[in-house]
PDB file of N, CA and C in Angstrom:
ATOM      1  N   MET A   1       0.824  -1.179   0.000  1.00  0.00           N
ATOM      2  CA  MET A   1       0.000   0.000   0.000  1.00  0.00           C
ATOM      3  C   MET A   1       0.872   1.249   0.000  1.00  0.00           C
ATOM      4  N   LYS A   2       0.607   2.132  -0.901  1.00  0.00           N
ATOM      5  CA  LYS A   2       1.397   3.357  -0.991  1.00  0.00           C
ATOM      6  C   LYS A   2       0.818   4.419  -0.078  1.00  0.00           C
ATOM      7  N   LYS A   3       1.728   5.199   0.479  1.00  0.00           N
ATOM      8  CA  LYS A   3       1.282   6.320   1.310  1.00  0.00           C
ATOM      9  C   LYS A   3       0.936   7.499   0.421  1.00  0.00           C
ATOM     10  N   ALA A   4      -0.129   8.159   0.756  1.00  0.00           N
ATOM     11  CA  ALA A   4      -0.540   9.332  -0.004  1.00  0.00           C
ATOM     12  C   ALA A   4       0.411  10.476   0.292  1.00  0.00           C
ATOM     13  N   ALA A   5       0.754  11.208  -0.742  1.00  0.00           N
ATOM     14  CA  ALA A   5       1.641  12.364  -0.574  1.00  0.00           C
ATOM     15  C   ALA A   5       0.898  13.454   0.182  1.00  0.00           C
ATOM     16  N   LYS A   6       1.622  14.106   1.068  1.00  0.00           N
ATOM     17  CA  LYS A   6       1.006  15.194   1.830  1.00  0.00           C
ATOM     18  C   LYS A   6       0.774  16.393   0.931  1.00  0.00           C
ATOM     19  N   LYS A   7      -0.408  16.949   1.043  1.00  0.00           N
ATOM     20  CA  LYS A   7      -0.700  18.154   0.290  1.00  0.00           C
ATOM     21  C   LYS A   7      -0.300  19.354   1.125  1.00  0.00           C
ATOM     22  N   SER A   8       0.389  20.259   0.499  1.00  0.00           N
ATOM     23  CA  SER A   8       0.797  21.463   1.204  1.00  0.00           C
ATOM     24  C   SER A   8       0.024  22.646   0.650  1.00  0.00           C
ATOM     25  N   PRO A   9      -0.163  23.669   1.466  1.00  0.00           N
ATOM     26  CA  PRO A   9      -0.859  24.854   0.969  1.00  0.00           C
ATOM     27  C   PRO A   9      -0.065  25.514  -0.149  1.00  0.00           C
ATOM     28  N   LYS A  10      -0.761  26.264  -0.971  1.00  0.00           N
ATOM     29  CA  LYS A  10      -0.126  26.884  -2.130  1.00  0.00           C
ATOM     30  C   LYS A  10       0.981  27.850  -1.732  1.00  0.00           C
ATOM     31  N   ASN A  11       0.801  28.517  -0.611  1.00  0.00           N
ATOM     32  CA  ASN A  11       1.776  29.529  -0.217  1.00  0.00           C
ATOM     33  C   ASN A  11       2.730  29.005   0.856  1.00  0.00           C
ATOM     34  N   SER A  12       2.973  27.690   0.881  1.00  0.00           N
ATOM     35  CA  SER A  12       3.852  27.148   1.909  1.00  0.00           C
ATOM     36  C   SER A  12       5.285  27.643   1.726  1.00  0.00           C
ATOM     37  N   VAL A  13       5.714  27.826   0.490  1.00  0.00           N
ATOM     38  CA  VAL A  13       7.065  28.332   0.243  1.00  0.00           C
ATOM     39  C   VAL A  13       7.192  29.751   0.773  1.00  0.00           C
ATOM     40  N   ALA A  14       6.170  30.564   0.551  1.00  0.00           N
ATOM     41  CA  ALA A  14       6.191  31.939   1.054  1.00  0.00           C
ATOM     42  C   ALA A  14       6.161  31.948   2.575  1.00  0.00           C
ATOM     43  N   ALA A  15       5.404  31.037   3.169  1.00  0.00           N
ATOM     44  CA  ALA A  15       5.330  30.972   4.631  1.00  0.00           C
ATOM     45  C   ALA A  15       6.667  30.546   5.217  1.00  0.00           C
ATOM     46  N   GLU A  16       7.345  29.601   4.570  1.00  0.00           N
ATOM     47  CA  GLU A  16       8.663  29.169   5.042  1.00  0.00           C
ATOM     48  C   GLU A  16       9.675  30.302   4.931  1.00  0.00           C
ATOM     49  N   ALA A  17       9.617  31.050   3.843  1.00  0.00           N
ATOM     50  CA  ALA A  17      10.541  32.171   3.668  1.00  0.00           C
ATOM     51  C   ALA A  17      10.285  33.231   4.723  1.00  0.00           C
ATOM     52  N   ARG A  18       9.007  33.491   5.025  1.00  0.00           N
ATOM     53  CA  ARG A  18       8.671  34.487   6.031  1.00  0.00           C
ATOM     54  C   ARG A  18       9.160  34.032   7.404  1.00  0.00           C
ATOM     55  N   ALA A  19       9.016  32.745   7.696  1.00  0.00           N
ATOM     56  CA  ALA A  19       9.495  32.214   8.976  1.00  0.00           C
ATOM     57  C   ALA A  19      11.005  32.347   9.059  1.00  0.00           C
ATOM     58  N   PHE A  20      11.690  32.141   7.948  1.00  0.00           N
ATOM     59  CA  PHE A  20      13.140  32.307   7.931  1.00  0.00           C
ATOM     60  C   PHE A  20      13.521  33.749   8.228  1.00  0.00           C
ATOM     61  N   HIS A  21      12.783  34.698   7.656  1.00  0.00           N
ATOM     62  CA  HIS A  21      13.087  36.109   7.892  1.00  0.00           C
ATOM     63  C   HIS A  21      12.898  36.468   9.357  1.00  0.00           C
ATOM     64  N   TYR A  22      11.880  35.904   9.987  1.00  0.00           N
ATOM     65  CA  TYR A  22      11.670  36.163  11.410  1.00  0.00           C
ATOM     66  C   TYR A  22      12.771  35.547  12.260  1.00  0.00           C
ATOM     67  N   ASP A  23      13.399  34.473  11.797  1.00  0.00           N
ATOM     68  CA  ASP A  23      14.511  33.864  12.529  1.00  0.00           C
ATOM     69  C   ASP A  23      15.783  34.694  12.412  1.00  0.00           C
ATOM     70  N   VAL A  24      15.945  35.424  11.325  1.00  0.00           N
ATOM     71  CA  VAL A  24      17.157  36.226  11.110  1.00  0.00           C
ATOM     72  C   VAL A  24      17.140  37.448  12.020  1.00  0.00           C
ATOM     73  N   ILE A  25      16.038  38.183  12.042  1.00  0.00           N
ATOM     74  CA  ILE A  25      15.949  39.397  12.846  1.00  0.00           C
ATOM     75  C   ILE A  25      15.383  39.036  14.214  1.00  0.00           C
ATOM     76  N   VAL A  26      16.168  39.290  15.260  1.00  0.00           N
ATOM     77  CA  VAL A  26      15.748  38.935  16.610  1.00  0.00           C
ATOM     78  C   VAL A  26      14.908  40.046  17.230  1.00  0.00           C
ATOM     79  N   SER A  27      15.436  41.278  17.222  1.00  0.00           N
ATOM     80  CA  SER A  27      14.712  42.390  17.829  1.00  0.00           C
ATOM     81  C   SER A  27      15.314  43.707  17.365  1.00  0.00           C
ATOM     82  N   PRO A  28      14.545  44.787  17.432  1.00  0.00           N
ATOM     83  CA  PRO A  28      15.125  46.103  17.156  1.00  0.00           C
ATOM     84  C   PRO A  28      15.911  46.596  18.365  1.00  0.00           C
ATOM     85  N   VAL A  29      16.901  47.410  18.114  1.00  0.00           N
ATOM     86  CA  VAL A  29      17.676  48.029  19.187  1.00  0.00           C
ATOM     87  C   VAL A  29      17.166  49.451  19.343  1.00  0.00           C
ATOM     88  N   VAL A  30      16.594  49.737  20.508  1.00  0.00           N
ATOM     89  CA  VAL A  30      16.058  51.074  20.761  1.00  0.00           C
ATOM     90  C   VAL A  30      16.890  51.691  21.873  1.00  0.00           C
ATOM     91  N   THR A  31      17.904  52.441  21.470  1.00  0.00           N
ATOM     92  CA  THR A  31      18.765  53.146  22.408  1.00  0.00           C
ATOM     93  C   THR A  31      18.880  54.593  21.940  1.00  0.00           C
ATOM     94  N   GLU A  32      19.539  55.374  22.750  1.00  0.00           N
ATOM     95  CA  GLU A  32      19.733  56.772  22.383  1.00  0.00           C
ATOM     96  C   GLU A  32      20.568  56.883  21.107  1.00  0.00           C
ATOM     97  N   LYS A  33      21.573  56.043  21.011  1.00  0.00           N
ATOM     98  CA  LYS A  33      22.461  56.081  19.849  1.00  0.00           C
ATOM     99  C   LYS A  33      21.745  55.614  18.571  1.00  0.00           C
ATOM    100  N   SER A  34      20.937  54.560  18.680  1.00  0.00           N
ATOM    101  CA  SER A  34      20.230  54.079  17.495  1.00  0.00           C
ATOM    102  C   SER A  34      19.126  55.045  17.068  1.00  0.00           C
ATOM    103  N   THR A  35      18.533  55.738  18.024  1.00  0.00           N
ATOM    104  CA  THR A  35      17.530  56.749  17.692  1.00  0.00           C
ATOM    105  C   THR A  35      18.176  57.918  16.969  1.00  0.00           C
ATOM    106  N   ALA A  36      19.371  58.306  17.389  1.00  0.00           N
ATOM    107  CA  ALA A  36      20.097  59.377  16.698  1.00  0.00           C
ATOM    108  C   ALA A  36      20.501  58.941  15.296  1.00  0.00           C
ATOM    109  N   ALA A  37      20.808  57.664  15.114  1.00  0.00           N
ATOM    110  CA  ALA A  37      21.186  57.155  13.802  1.00  0.00           C
ATOM    111  C   ALA A  37      20.000  57.124  12.851  1.00  0.00           C
ATOM    112  N   SER A  38      18.788  57.050  13.389  1.00  0.00           N
ATOM    113  CA  SER A  38      17.601  57.006  12.532  1.00  0.00           C
ATOM    114  C   SER A  38      17.408  58.310  11.765  1.00  0.00           C
ATOM    115  N   GLU A  39      18.009  59.379  12.239  1.00  0.00           N
ATOM    116  CA  GLU A  39      17.946  60.651  11.509  1.00  0.00           C
ATOM    117  C   GLU A  39      18.754  60.603  10.220  1.00  0.00           C
ATOM    118  N   HIS A  40      19.667  59.621  10.125  1.00  0.00           N
ATOM    119  CA  HIS A  40      20.510  59.460   8.938  1.00  0.00           C
ATOM    120  C   HIS A  40      20.099  58.224   8.138  1.00  0.00           C
ATOM    121  N   ASN A  41      18.805  57.862   8.191  1.00  0.00           N
ATOM    122  CA  ASN A  41      18.259  56.700   7.476  1.00  0.00           C
ATOM    123  C   ASN A  41      18.914  55.390   7.889  1.00  0.00           C
ATOM    124  N   LYS A  42      19.245  55.238   9.169  1.00  0.00           N
ATOM    125  CA  LYS A  42      19.836  53.999   9.664  1.00  0.00           C
ATOM    126  C   LYS A  42      18.944  53.392  10.738  1.00  0.00           C
ATOM    127  N   VAL A  43      18.847  52.070  10.730  1.00  0.00           N
ATOM    128  CA  VAL A  43      18.067  51.330  11.703  1.00  0.00           C
ATOM    129  C   VAL A  43      18.952  50.217  12.245  1.00  0.00           C
ATOM    130  N   VAL A  44      18.843  49.933  13.552  1.00  0.00           N
ATOM    131  CA  VAL A  44      19.700  48.924  14.183  1.00  0.00           C
ATOM    132  C   VAL A  44      18.832  47.772  14.681  1.00  0.00           C
ATOM    133  N   PHE A  45      19.265  46.534  14.375  1.00  0.00           N
ATOM    134  CA  PHE A  45      18.568  45.330  14.819  1.00  0.00           C
ATOM    135  C   PHE A  45      19.558  44.373  15.462  1.00  0.00           C
ATOM    136  N   ASN A  46      19.091  43.606  16.460  1.00  0.00           N
ATOM    137  CA  ASN A  46      19.817  42.433  16.910  1.00  0.00           C
ATOM    138  C   ASN A  46      19.450  41.316  15.954  1.00  0.00           C
ATOM    139  N   VAL A  47      20.453  40.593  15.469  1.00  0.00           N
ATOM    140  CA  VAL A  47      20.213  39.529  14.500  1.00  0.00           C
ATOM    141  C   VAL A  47      20.821  38.228  15.000  1.00  0.00           C
ATOM    142  N   SER A  48      20.500  37.152  14.336  1.00  0.00           N
ATOM    143  CA  SER A  48      21.030  35.845  14.681  1.00  0.00           C
ATOM    144  C   SER A  48      22.540  35.827  14.458  1.00  0.00           C
ATOM    145  N   LEU A  49      23.253  35.077  15.296  1.00  0.00           N
ATOM    146  CA  LEU A  49      24.716  35.030  15.186  1.00  0.00           C
ATOM    147  C   LEU A  49      25.190  34.435  13.864  1.00  0.00           C
ATOM    148  N   ASN A  50      24.418  33.536  13.268  1.00  0.00           N
ATOM    149  CA  ASN A  50      24.860  32.912  12.022  1.00  0.00           C
ATOM    150  C   ASN A  50      24.296  33.591  10.774  1.00  0.00           C
ATOM    151  N   ALA A  51      23.658  34.748  10.928  1.00  0.00           N
ATOM    152  CA  ALA A  51      23.106  35.474   9.782  1.00  0.00           C
ATOM    153  C   ALA A  51      24.209  36.248   9.077  1.00  0.00           C
ATOM    154  N   ASP A  52      24.180  36.215   7.746  1.00  0.00           N
ATOM    155  CA  ASP A  52      25.140  37.001   6.984  1.00  0.00           C
ATOM    156  C   ASP A  52      24.451  38.249   6.420  1.00  0.00           C
ATOM    157  N   LYS A  53      25.237  39.119   5.808  1.00  0.00           N
ATOM    158  CA  LYS A  53      24.703  40.406   5.358  1.00  0.00           C
ATOM    159  C   LYS A  53      23.608  40.240   4.306  1.00  0.00           C
ATOM    160  N   ALA A  54      23.764  39.279   3.421  1.00  0.00           N
ATOM    161  CA  ALA A  54      22.772  39.076   2.361  1.00  0.00           C
ATOM    162  C   ALA A  54      21.434  38.625   2.943  1.00  0.00           C
ATOM    163  N   SER A  55      21.464  37.712   3.907  1.00  0.00           N
ATOM    164  CA  SER A  55      20.201  37.247   4.488  1.00  0.00           C
ATOM    165  C   SER A  55      19.552  38.334   5.346  1.00  0.00           C
ATOM    166  N   ILE A  56      20.362  39.165   6.008  1.00  0.00           N
ATOM    167  CA  ILE A  56      19.817  40.281   6.786  1.00  0.00           C
ATOM    168  C   ILE A  56      19.133  41.277   5.851  1.00  0.00           C
ATOM    169  N   LYS A  57      19.779  41.570   4.733  1.00  0.00           N
ATOM    170  CA  LYS A  57      19.215  42.509   3.768  1.00  0.00           C
ATOM    171  C   LYS A  57      17.895  41.990   3.207  1.00  0.00           C
ATOM    172  N   SER A  58      17.853  40.727   2.819  1.00  0.00           N
ATOM    173  CA  SER A  58      16.619  40.179   2.248  1.00  0.00           C
ATOM    174  C   SER A  58      15.509  40.112   3.298  1.00  0.00           C
ATOM    175  N   ALA A  59      15.864  39.833   4.568  1.00  0.00           N
ATOM    176  CA  ALA A  59      14.859  39.770   5.623  1.00  0.00           C
ATOM    177  C   ALA A  59      14.243  41.139   5.880  1.00  0.00           C
ATOM    178  N   VAL A  60      15.062  42.180   5.945  1.00  0.00           N
ATOM    179  CA  VAL A  60      14.554  43.528   6.192  1.00  0.00           C
ATOM    180  C   VAL A  60      13.692  43.992   5.021  1.00  0.00           C
ATOM    181  N   GLU A  61      14.146  43.726   3.798  1.00  0.00           N
ATOM    182  CA  GLU A  61      13.370  44.142   2.635  1.00  0.00           C
ATOM    183  C   GLU A  61      12.032  43.413   2.563  1.00  0.00           C
ATOM    184  N   ALA A  62      12.017  42.138   2.944  1.00  0.00           N
ATOM    185  CA  ALA A  62      10.774  41.368   2.867  1.00  0.00           C
ATOM    186  C   ALA A  62       9.800  41.732   3.992  1.00  0.00           C
ATOM    187  N   LEU A  63      10.303  41.921   5.200  1.00  0.00           N
ATOM    188  CA  LEU A  63       9.418  42.166   6.337  1.00  0.00           C
ATOM    189  C   LEU A  63       8.888  43.592   6.396  1.00  0.00           C
ATOM    190  N   PHE A  64       9.691  44.559   5.986  1.00  0.00           N
ATOM    191  CA  PHE A  64       9.299  45.961   6.137  1.00  0.00           C
ATOM    192  C   PHE A  64       8.978  46.656   4.817  1.00  0.00           C
ATOM    193  N   ASN A  65       9.137  45.967   3.684  1.00  0.00           N
ATOM    194  CA  ASN A  65       8.861  46.545   2.359  1.00  0.00           C
ATOM    195  C   ASN A  65       9.624  47.840   2.125  1.00  0.00           C
ATOM    196  N   VAL A  66      10.932  47.807   2.362  1.00  0.00           N
ATOM    197  CA  VAL A  66      11.795  48.964   2.135  1.00  0.00           C
ATOM    198  C   VAL A  66      12.970  48.530   1.270  1.00  0.00           C
ATOM    199  N   LYS A  67      13.702  49.498   0.743  1.00  0.00           N
ATOM    200  CA  LYS A  67      14.895  49.238  -0.054  1.00  0.00           C
ATOM    201  C   LYS A  67      16.121  49.479   0.820  1.00  0.00           C
ATOM    202  N   VAL A  68      16.972  48.469   0.986  1.00  0.00           N
ATOM    203  CA  VAL A  68      18.168  48.562   1.818  1.00  0.00           C
ATOM    204  C   VAL A  68      19.341  48.956   0.946  1.00  0.00           C
ATOM    205  N   LYS A  69      20.073  49.967   1.391  1.00  0.00           N
ATOM    206  CA  LYS A  69      21.241  50.439   0.659  1.00  0.00           C
ATOM    207  C   LYS A  69      22.505  49.699   1.103  1.00  0.00           C
ATOM    208  N   LYS A  70      22.670  49.528   2.432  1.00  0.00           N
ATOM    209  CA  LYS A  70      23.895  48.920   2.946  1.00  0.00           C
ATOM    210  C   LYS A  70      23.618  48.267   4.287  1.00  0.00           C
ATOM    211  N   VAL A  71      24.378  47.202   4.610  1.00  0.00           N
ATOM    212  CA  VAL A  71      24.265  46.505   5.888  1.00  0.00           C
ATOM    213  C   VAL A  71      25.649  46.402   6.508  1.00  0.00           C
ATOM    214  N   ASN A  72      25.779  46.897   7.733  1.00  0.00           N
ATOM    215  CA  ASN A  72      27.014  46.736   8.502  1.00  0.00           C
ATOM    216  C   ASN A  72      26.693  45.855   9.706  1.00  0.00           C
ATOM    217  N   THR A  73      27.594  44.929  10.022  1.00  0.00           N
ATOM    218  CA  THR A  73      27.354  44.030  11.149  1.00  0.00           C
ATOM    219  C   THR A  73      28.499  44.110  12.140  1.00  0.00           C
ATOM    220  N   LEU A  74      28.188  43.775  13.397  1.00  0.00           N
ATOM    221  CA  LEU A  74      29.216  43.692  14.428  1.00  0.00           C
ATOM    222  C   LEU A  74      28.803  42.627  15.426  1.00  0.00           C
ATOM    223  N   VAL A  75      29.796  41.935  15.982  1.00  0.00           N
ATOM    224  CA  VAL A  75      29.537  40.905  16.990  1.00  0.00           C
ATOM    225  C   VAL A  75      30.090  41.416  18.307  1.00  0.00           C
ATOM    226  N   ARG A  76      29.196  41.527  19.288  1.00  0.00           N
ATOM    227  CA  ARG A  76      29.619  41.947  20.619  1.00  0.00           C
ATOM    228  C   ARG A  76      29.831  40.686  21.443  1.00  0.00           C
ATOM    229  N   MET A  77      31.068  40.476  21.872  1.00  0.00           N
ATOM    230  CA  MET A  77      31.400  39.277  22.644  1.00  0.00           C
ATOM    231  C   MET A  77      30.837  39.411  24.052  1.00  0.00           C
ATOM    232  N   GLY A  78      30.322  38.304  24.572  1.00  0.00           N
ATOM    233  CA  GLY A  78      29.729  38.305  25.905  1.00  0.00           C
ATOM    234  C   GLY A  78      30.778  38.497  26.987  1.00  0.00           C
ATOM    235  N   LYS A  79      30.418  39.224  28.019  1.00  0.00           N
ATOM    236  CA  LYS A  79      31.346  39.495  29.116  1.00  0.00           C
ATOM    237  C   LYS A  79      31.333  38.347  30.117  1.00  0.00           C
ATOM    238  N   THR A  80      32.439  38.204  30.832  1.00  0.00           N
ATOM    239  CA  THR A  80      32.498  37.240  31.919  1.00  0.00           C
ATOM    240  C   THR A  80      31.984  37.924  33.179  1.00  0.00           C
ATOM    241  N   ARG A  81      31.061  37.275  33.856  1.00  0.00           N
ATOM    242  CA  ARG A  81      30.472  37.827  35.067  1.00  0.00           C
ATOM    243  C   ARG A  81      30.650  36.845  36.211  1.00  0.00           C
ATOM    244  N   ARG A  82      30.713  37.375  37.416  1.00  0.00           N
ATOM    245  CA  ARG A  82      30.853  36.542  38.607  1.00  0.00           C
ATOM    246  C   ARG A  82      29.586  36.679  39.445  1.00  0.00           C
ATOM    247  N   PHE A  83      29.041  35.544  39.849  1.00  0.00           N
ATOM    248  CA  PHE A  83      27.907  35.517  40.756  1.00  0.00           C
ATOM    249  C   PHE A  83      28.298  34.635  41.930  1.00  0.00           C
ATOM    250  N   ARG A  84      28.476  35.255  43.078  1.00  0.00           N
ATOM    251  CA  ARG A  84      29.030  34.582  44.260  1.00  0.00           C
ATOM    252  C   ARG A  84      30.388  33.995  43.891  1.00  0.00           C
ATOM    253  N   ASN A  85      30.558  32.689  43.965  1.00  0.00           N
ATOM    254  CA  ASN A  85      31.860  32.116  43.618  1.00  0.00           C
ATOM    255  C   ASN A  85      31.867  31.461  42.247  1.00  0.00           C
ATOM    256  N   THR A  86      30.834  31.668  41.467  1.00  0.00           N
ATOM    257  CA  THR A  86      30.715  31.009  40.184  1.00  0.00           C
ATOM    258  C   THR A  86      30.972  32.006  39.068  1.00  0.00           C
ATOM    259  N   LEU A  87      31.834  31.622  38.124  1.00  0.00           N
ATOM    260  CA  LEU A  87      32.054  32.440  36.945  1.00  0.00           C
ATOM    261  C   LEU A  87      31.025  32.062  35.888  1.00  0.00           C
ATOM    262  N   GLY A  88      30.531  33.045  35.204  1.00  0.00           N
ATOM    263  CA  GLY A  88      29.583  32.813  34.121  1.00  0.00           C
ATOM    264  C   GLY A  88      29.932  33.710  32.951  1.00  0.00           C
ATOM    265  N   LYS A  89      29.285  33.495  31.826  1.00  0.00           N
ATOM    266  CA  LYS A  89      29.553  34.288  30.637  1.00  0.00           C
ATOM    267  C   LYS A  89      28.230  34.678  29.998  1.00  0.00           C
ATOM    268  N   LEU A  90      28.086  35.962  29.682  1.00  0.00           N
ATOM    269  CA  LEU A  90      26.908  36.425  28.959  1.00  0.00           C
ATOM    270  C   LEU A  90      27.011  35.978  27.502  1.00  0.00           C
ATOM    271  N   SER A  91      25.908  35.820  26.842  1.00  0.00           N
ATOM    272  CA  SER A  91      25.884  35.359  25.462  1.00  0.00           C
ATOM    273  C   SER A  91      26.446  36.420  24.525  1.00  0.00           C
ATOM    274  N   ASP A  92      27.062  35.956  23.430  1.00  0.00           N
ATOM    275  CA  ASP A  92      27.491  36.861  22.374  1.00  0.00           C
ATOM    276  C   ASP A  92      26.248  37.337  21.621  1.00  0.00           C
ATOM    277  N   THR A  93      26.292  38.563  21.122  1.00  0.00           N
ATOM    278  CA  THR A  93      25.185  39.099  20.339  1.00  0.00           C
ATOM    279  C   THR A  93      25.718  39.703  19.056  1.00  0.00           C
ATOM    280  N   LYS A  94      24.885  39.702  18.031  1.00  0.00           N
ATOM    281  CA  LYS A  94      25.252  40.289  16.757  1.00  0.00           C
ATOM    282  C   LYS A  94      24.259  41.388  16.426  1.00  0.00           C
ATOM    283  N   LYS A  95      24.779  42.533  16.024  1.00  0.00           N
ATOM    284  CA  LYS A  95      23.945  43.669  15.644  1.00  0.00           C
ATOM    285  C   LYS A  95      24.127  43.945  14.163  1.00  0.00           C
ATOM    286  N   ALA A  96      23.102  44.483  13.553  1.00  0.00           N
ATOM    287  CA  ALA A  96      23.171  44.911  12.161  1.00  0.00           C
ATOM    288  C   ALA A  96      22.706  46.353  12.083  1.00  0.00           C
ATOM    289  N   VAL A  97      23.540  47.208  11.504  1.00  0.00           N
ATOM    290  CA  VAL A  97      23.178  48.604  11.250  1.00  0.00           C
ATOM    291  C   VAL A  97      22.809  48.681   9.778  1.00  0.00           C
ATOM    292  N   ILE A  98      21.545  48.961   9.508  1.00  0.00           N
ATOM    293  CA  ILE A  98      21.017  48.933   8.154  1.00  0.00           C
ATOM    294  C   ILE A  98      20.800  50.351   7.671  1.00  0.00           C
ATOM    295  N   THR A  99      21.429  50.683   6.552  1.00  0.00           N
ATOM    296  CA  THR A  99      21.236  51.986   5.930  1.00  0.00           C
ATOM    297  C   THR A  99      20.162  51.836   4.863  1.00  0.00           C
ATOM    298  N   LEU A 100      19.108  52.621   4.979  1.00  0.00           N
ATOM    299  CA  LEU A 100      18.001  52.560   4.034  1.00  0.00           C
ATOM    300  C   LEU A 100      18.226  53.545   2.895  1.00  0.00           C
ATOM    301  N   ALA A 101      17.613  53.266   1.764  1.00  0.00           N
ATOM    302  CA  ALA A 101      17.686  54.165   0.616  1.00  0.00           C
ATOM    303  C   ALA A 101      16.952  55.457   0.949  1.00  0.00           C
ATOM    304  N   GLU A 102      17.255  56.508   0.203  1.00  0.00           N
ATOM    305  CA  GLU A 102      16.633  57.804   0.426  1.00  0.00           C
ATOM    306  C   GLU A 102      15.113  57.696   0.294  1.00  0.00           C
ATOM    307  N   GLY A 103      14.413  58.323   1.214  1.00  0.00           N
ATOM    308  CA  GLY A 103      12.961  58.333   1.180  1.00  0.00           C
ATOM    309  C   GLY A 103      12.320  57.113   1.835  1.00  0.00           C
ATOM    310  N   GLN A 104      13.104  56.139   2.275  1.00  0.00           N
ATOM    311  CA  GLN A 104      12.585  54.940   2.926  1.00  0.00           C
ATOM    312  C   GLN A 104      12.620  55.134   4.439  1.00  0.00           C
ATOM    313  N   ALA A 105      11.692  54.493   5.162  1.00  0.00           N
ATOM    314  CA  ALA A 105      11.656  54.597   6.619  1.00  0.00           C
ATOM    315  C   ALA A 105      11.006  53.349   7.192  1.00  0.00           C
ATOM    316  N   ILE A 106      11.412  52.994   8.413  1.00  0.00           N
ATOM    317  CA  ILE A 106      10.816  51.884   9.149  1.00  0.00           C
ATOM    318  C   ILE A 106      10.289  52.443  10.445  1.00  0.00           C
ATOM    319  N   ASN A 107       9.013  52.186  10.738  1.00  0.00           N
ATOM    320  CA  ASN A 107       8.398  52.605  11.984  1.00  0.00           C
ATOM    321  C   ASN A 107       8.469  51.426  12.959  1.00  0.00           C
ATOM    322  N   LEU A 108       9.331  51.512  13.957  1.00  0.00           N
ATOM    323  CA  LEU A 108       9.510  50.421  14.890  1.00  0.00           C
ATOM    324  C   LEU A 108       8.462  50.407  15.994  1.00  0.00           C
ATOM    325  N   GLU A 109       7.674  51.442  16.132  1.00  0.00           N
ATOM    326  CA  GLU A 109       6.667  51.507  17.183  1.00  0.00           C
ATOM    327  C   GLU A 109       5.493  50.574  16.904  1.00  0.00           C
ATOM    328  N   GLY A 110       5.203  50.313  15.640  1.00  0.00           N
ATOM    329  CA  GLY A 110       4.075  49.463  15.292  1.00  0.00           C
ATOM    330  C   GLY A 110       4.348  47.985  15.469  1.00  0.00           C
ATOM    331  N   GLY A 111       5.617  47.556  15.412  1.00  0.00           N
ATOM    332  CA  GLY A 111       5.954  46.152  15.522  1.00  0.00           C
ATOM    333  C   GLY A 111       5.785  45.426  14.198  1.00  0.00           C
ATOM    334  N   LEU A 112       6.150  44.149  14.184  1.00  0.00           N
ATOM    335  CA  LEU A 112       6.015  43.336  12.987  1.00  0.00           C
ATOM    336  C   LEU A 112       4.617  42.744  12.904  1.00  0.00           C
ATOM    337  N   LYS A 113       4.121  42.584  11.709  1.00  0.00           N
ATOM    338  CA  LYS A 113       2.784  41.997  11.507  1.00  0.00           C
ATOM    339  C   LYS A 113       2.918  40.678  10.794  1.00  0.00           C
TER     340      LYS A 113
END
């Protein structure tokens, strides 16, 4: 007896791509410095440690419907902390500074839909 092939929805590929984009971008960075950078068409996000510039660019363009001009990334190494007599280490984080094309903007107050 043969097993019937699973039927997938028509937009399953689009749903998988959207899920991938949500995995790349972790959260927006809302600090005094990132708010000042927004005046120069720049937005800052925390991203996954294994995300590269191309995947960050495609994720931002797909989720926010904007045109990305440039992506700069940096990895902040986690600090060593002491709690009582135990040494611990904070997690490493990766940030992406995204420069948007002229006339483009992202409103971070509304959140992702």
